[in-house]
């Protein structure tokens, strides 16, 4: 789980730098959507790491936002826009059904978890599940 928390914090911290110099507006929209998703993961991750006090309402709100952002992923990637700053691999469009299925899985996972996190003990397993879902998509569809 620590690996997934660290990944979420790294992704969030580098997002602003990655967006500088992006010329294609579709790529910028994608990057902003993914950054919004990463921001919500950071809320949960900082609590899971003990860097922020546990707040069930904030976690559940973040999960709802993750579900909402995940539902928008296919639309953000529908146009095969490119930009030198993009980390999106061509495999997204070559394996569109798998890509969109993973976005739907994240949406359903986060939506199903939203409202269920009541204690700090609930946080670790939820973060692990979210990390695995995000990581599965990144492994196949994002430049390393």
Protein backbone atom coordinates (compact mmCIF):
# COMPACT_ATOMS: atom_id res chain seq x y z
CA UNK A 1 0.00 0.00 0.00
CA UNK A 2 2.85 2.40 0.77
CA UNK A 3 3.92 2.06 -2.87
CA UNK A 4 0.50 3.29 -4.03
CA UNK A 5 0.44 6.18 -1.57
CA UNK A 6 3.90 7.28 -2.70
CA UNK A 7 2.84 7.00 -6.35
CA UNK A 8 -0.20 9.20 -5.73
CA UNK A 9 1.89 11.85 -4.00
CA UNK A 10 4.59 11.84 -6.68
CA UNK A 11 2.07 12.11 -9.50
CA UNK A 12 0.37 15.03 -7.79
CA UNK A 13 3.62 16.83 -7.07
CA UNK A 14 4.88 16.63 -10.64
CA UNK A 15 1.62 17.53 -12.37
CA UNK A 16 2.18 21.29 -12.47
CA UNK A 17 5.62 20.87 -14.02
CA UNK A 18 4.34 18.39 -16.58
CA UNK A 19 1.66 20.80 -17.81
CA UNK A 20 4.00 23.62 -18.70
CA UNK A 21 4.51 23.95 -22.43
CA UNK A 22 1.58 21.74 -23.50
CA UNK A 23 0.33 23.10 -26.82
CA UNK A 24 -2.56 20.79 -27.73
CA UNK A 25 -5.77 21.81 -25.90
CA UNK A 26 -7.14 18.25 -25.87
CA UNK A 27 -3.96 16.97 -24.24
CA UNK A 28 -4.15 19.81 -21.70
CA UNK A 29 -7.75 18.84 -20.83
CA UNK A 30 -6.65 15.24 -20.32
CA UNK A 31 -3.75 16.29 -18.15
CA UNK A 32 -5.95 18.57 -16.07
CA UNK A 33 -8.51 15.79 -15.60
CA UNK A 34 -5.83 13.38 -14.46
CA UNK A 35 -4.38 16.05 -12.17
CA UNK A 36 -7.81 16.56 -10.61
CA UNK A 37 -7.99 12.82 -10.01
CA UNK A 38 -4.47 12.84 -8.51
CA UNK A 39 -5.45 15.72 -6.20
CA UNK A 40 -8.22 13.57 -4.75
CA UNK A 41 -5.82 10.64 -4.35
CA UNK A 42 -3.47 12.98 -2.50
CA UNK A 43 -6.20 13.85 -0.01
CA UNK A 44 -6.65 10.18 0.79
CA UNK A 45 -2.93 9.35 0.58
CA UNK A 46 -1.82 12.02 3.03
CA UNK A 47 -4.31 10.68 5.57
CA UNK A 48 -3.25 7.09 4.93
CA UNK A 49 0.38 8.08 5.53
CA UNK A 50 -0.50 9.96 8.70
CA UNK A 51 0.53 13.30 7.19
CA UNK A 52 -2.97 14.67 7.69
CA UNK A 53 -5.60 13.97 10.32
CA UNK A 54 -8.21 11.40 9.31
CA UNK A 55 -11.43 13.00 8.11
CA UNK A 56 -14.07 10.53 6.95
CA UNK A 57 -16.11 13.23 5.22
CA UNK A 58 -13.09 14.43 3.22
CA UNK A 59 -12.15 10.87 2.23
CA UNK A 60 -15.68 10.04 1.12
CA UNK A 61 -15.94 13.31 -0.81
CA UNK A 62 -12.60 12.55 -2.49
CA UNK A 63 -13.86 9.08 -3.43
CA UNK A 64 -16.98 10.60 -4.97
CA UNK A 65 -14.83 13.02 -6.95
CA UNK A 66 -12.55 10.18 -8.10
CA UNK A 67 -15.61 8.31 -9.36
CA UNK A 68 -16.80 11.43 -11.18
CA UNK A 69 -13.37 12.10 -12.72
CA UNK A 70 -13.02 8.44 -13.75
CA UNK A 71 -16.35 8.61 -15.55
CA UNK A 72 -14.91 11.42 -17.70
CA UNK A 73 -11.71 9.59 -18.68
CA UNK A 74 -13.00 7.99 -21.90
CA UNK A 75 -14.32 11.33 -23.19
CA UNK A 76 -11.00 13.02 -22.37
CA UNK A 77 -9.11 10.46 -24.45
CA UNK A 78 -11.61 10.02 -27.27
CA UNK A 79 -9.64 12.36 -29.53
CA UNK A 80 -6.22 10.86 -30.27
CA UNK A 81 -4.49 14.18 -29.68
CA UNK A 82 -0.74 14.21 -29.24
CA UNK A 83 1.74 16.56 -27.67
CA UNK A 84 5.42 16.07 -26.80
CA UNK A 85 4.49 16.55 -23.12
CA UNK A 86 1.82 13.84 -23.19
CA UNK A 87 2.49 10.62 -21.32
CA UNK A 88 -0.41 8.83 -23.02
CA UNK A 89 0.71 5.79 -24.96
CA UNK A 90 -0.75 4.86 -28.37
CA UNK A 91 -1.88 1.63 -26.67
CA UNK A 92 -4.84 3.63 -25.34
CA UNK A 93 -6.38 3.88 -28.79
CA UNK A 94 -5.10 0.48 -29.94
CA UNK A 95 -6.79 -1.17 -26.93
CA UNK A 96 -9.68 1.25 -26.48
CA UNK A 97 -12.08 -1.31 -24.97
CA UNK A 98 -9.59 -2.31 -22.28
CA UNK A 99 -8.72 1.31 -21.55
CA UNK A 100 -12.33 2.37 -21.13
CA UNK A 101 -13.12 -0.74 -19.10
CA UNK A 102 -10.37 0.20 -16.64
CA UNK A 103 -11.76 3.71 -16.35
CA UNK A 104 -15.18 2.21 -15.64
CA UNK A 105 -13.65 -0.13 -13.05
CA UNK A 106 -12.08 2.84 -11.25
CA UNK A 107 -15.36 4.73 -11.40
CA UNK A 108 -17.28 1.78 -9.93
CA UNK A 109 -14.62 1.07 -7.30
CA UNK A 110 -14.43 4.66 -6.07
CA UNK A 111 -18.20 5.08 -6.28
CA UNK A 112 -18.70 1.88 -4.31
CA UNK A 113 -16.22 2.97 -1.64
CA UNK A 114 -17.66 6.49 -1.34
CA UNK A 115 -19.67 6.73 1.83
CA UNK A 116 -18.22 3.55 3.33
CA UNK A 117 -15.04 4.93 4.89
CA UNK A 118 -15.92 5.58 8.51
CA UNK A 119 -12.69 4.88 10.38
CA UNK A 120 -9.00 5.25 9.79
CA UNK A 121 -8.80 1.44 9.62
CA UNK A 122 -11.00 1.54 6.50
CA UNK A 123 -8.53 3.80 4.74
CA UNK A 124 -5.64 1.39 4.08
CA UNK A 125 -7.63 -1.26 2.23
CA UNK A 126 -9.43 1.41 0.18
CA UNK A 127 -6.14 3.08 -0.77
CA UNK A 128 -4.69 -0.27 -1.76
CA UNK A 129 -7.64 -1.03 -4.04
CA UNK A 130 -7.52 2.43 -5.63
CA UNK A 131 -3.76 2.21 -6.12
CA UNK A 132 -4.06 -1.14 -7.86
CA UNK A 133 -6.75 0.20 -10.15
CA UNK A 134 -4.78 3.30 -11.08
CA UNK A 135 -1.56 1.33 -11.39
CA UNK A 136 -3.10 -1.23 -13.74
CA UNK A 137 -4.08 1.49 -16.18
CA UNK A 138 -0.80 3.36 -15.86
CA UNK A 139 1.20 0.17 -16.43
CA UNK A 140 -0.28 -0.35 -19.88
CA UNK A 141 -1.30 3.10 -21.02
CA UNK A 142 1.11 5.68 -19.57
CA UNK A 143 4.75 6.33 -20.37
CA UNK A 144 7.04 5.36 -17.55
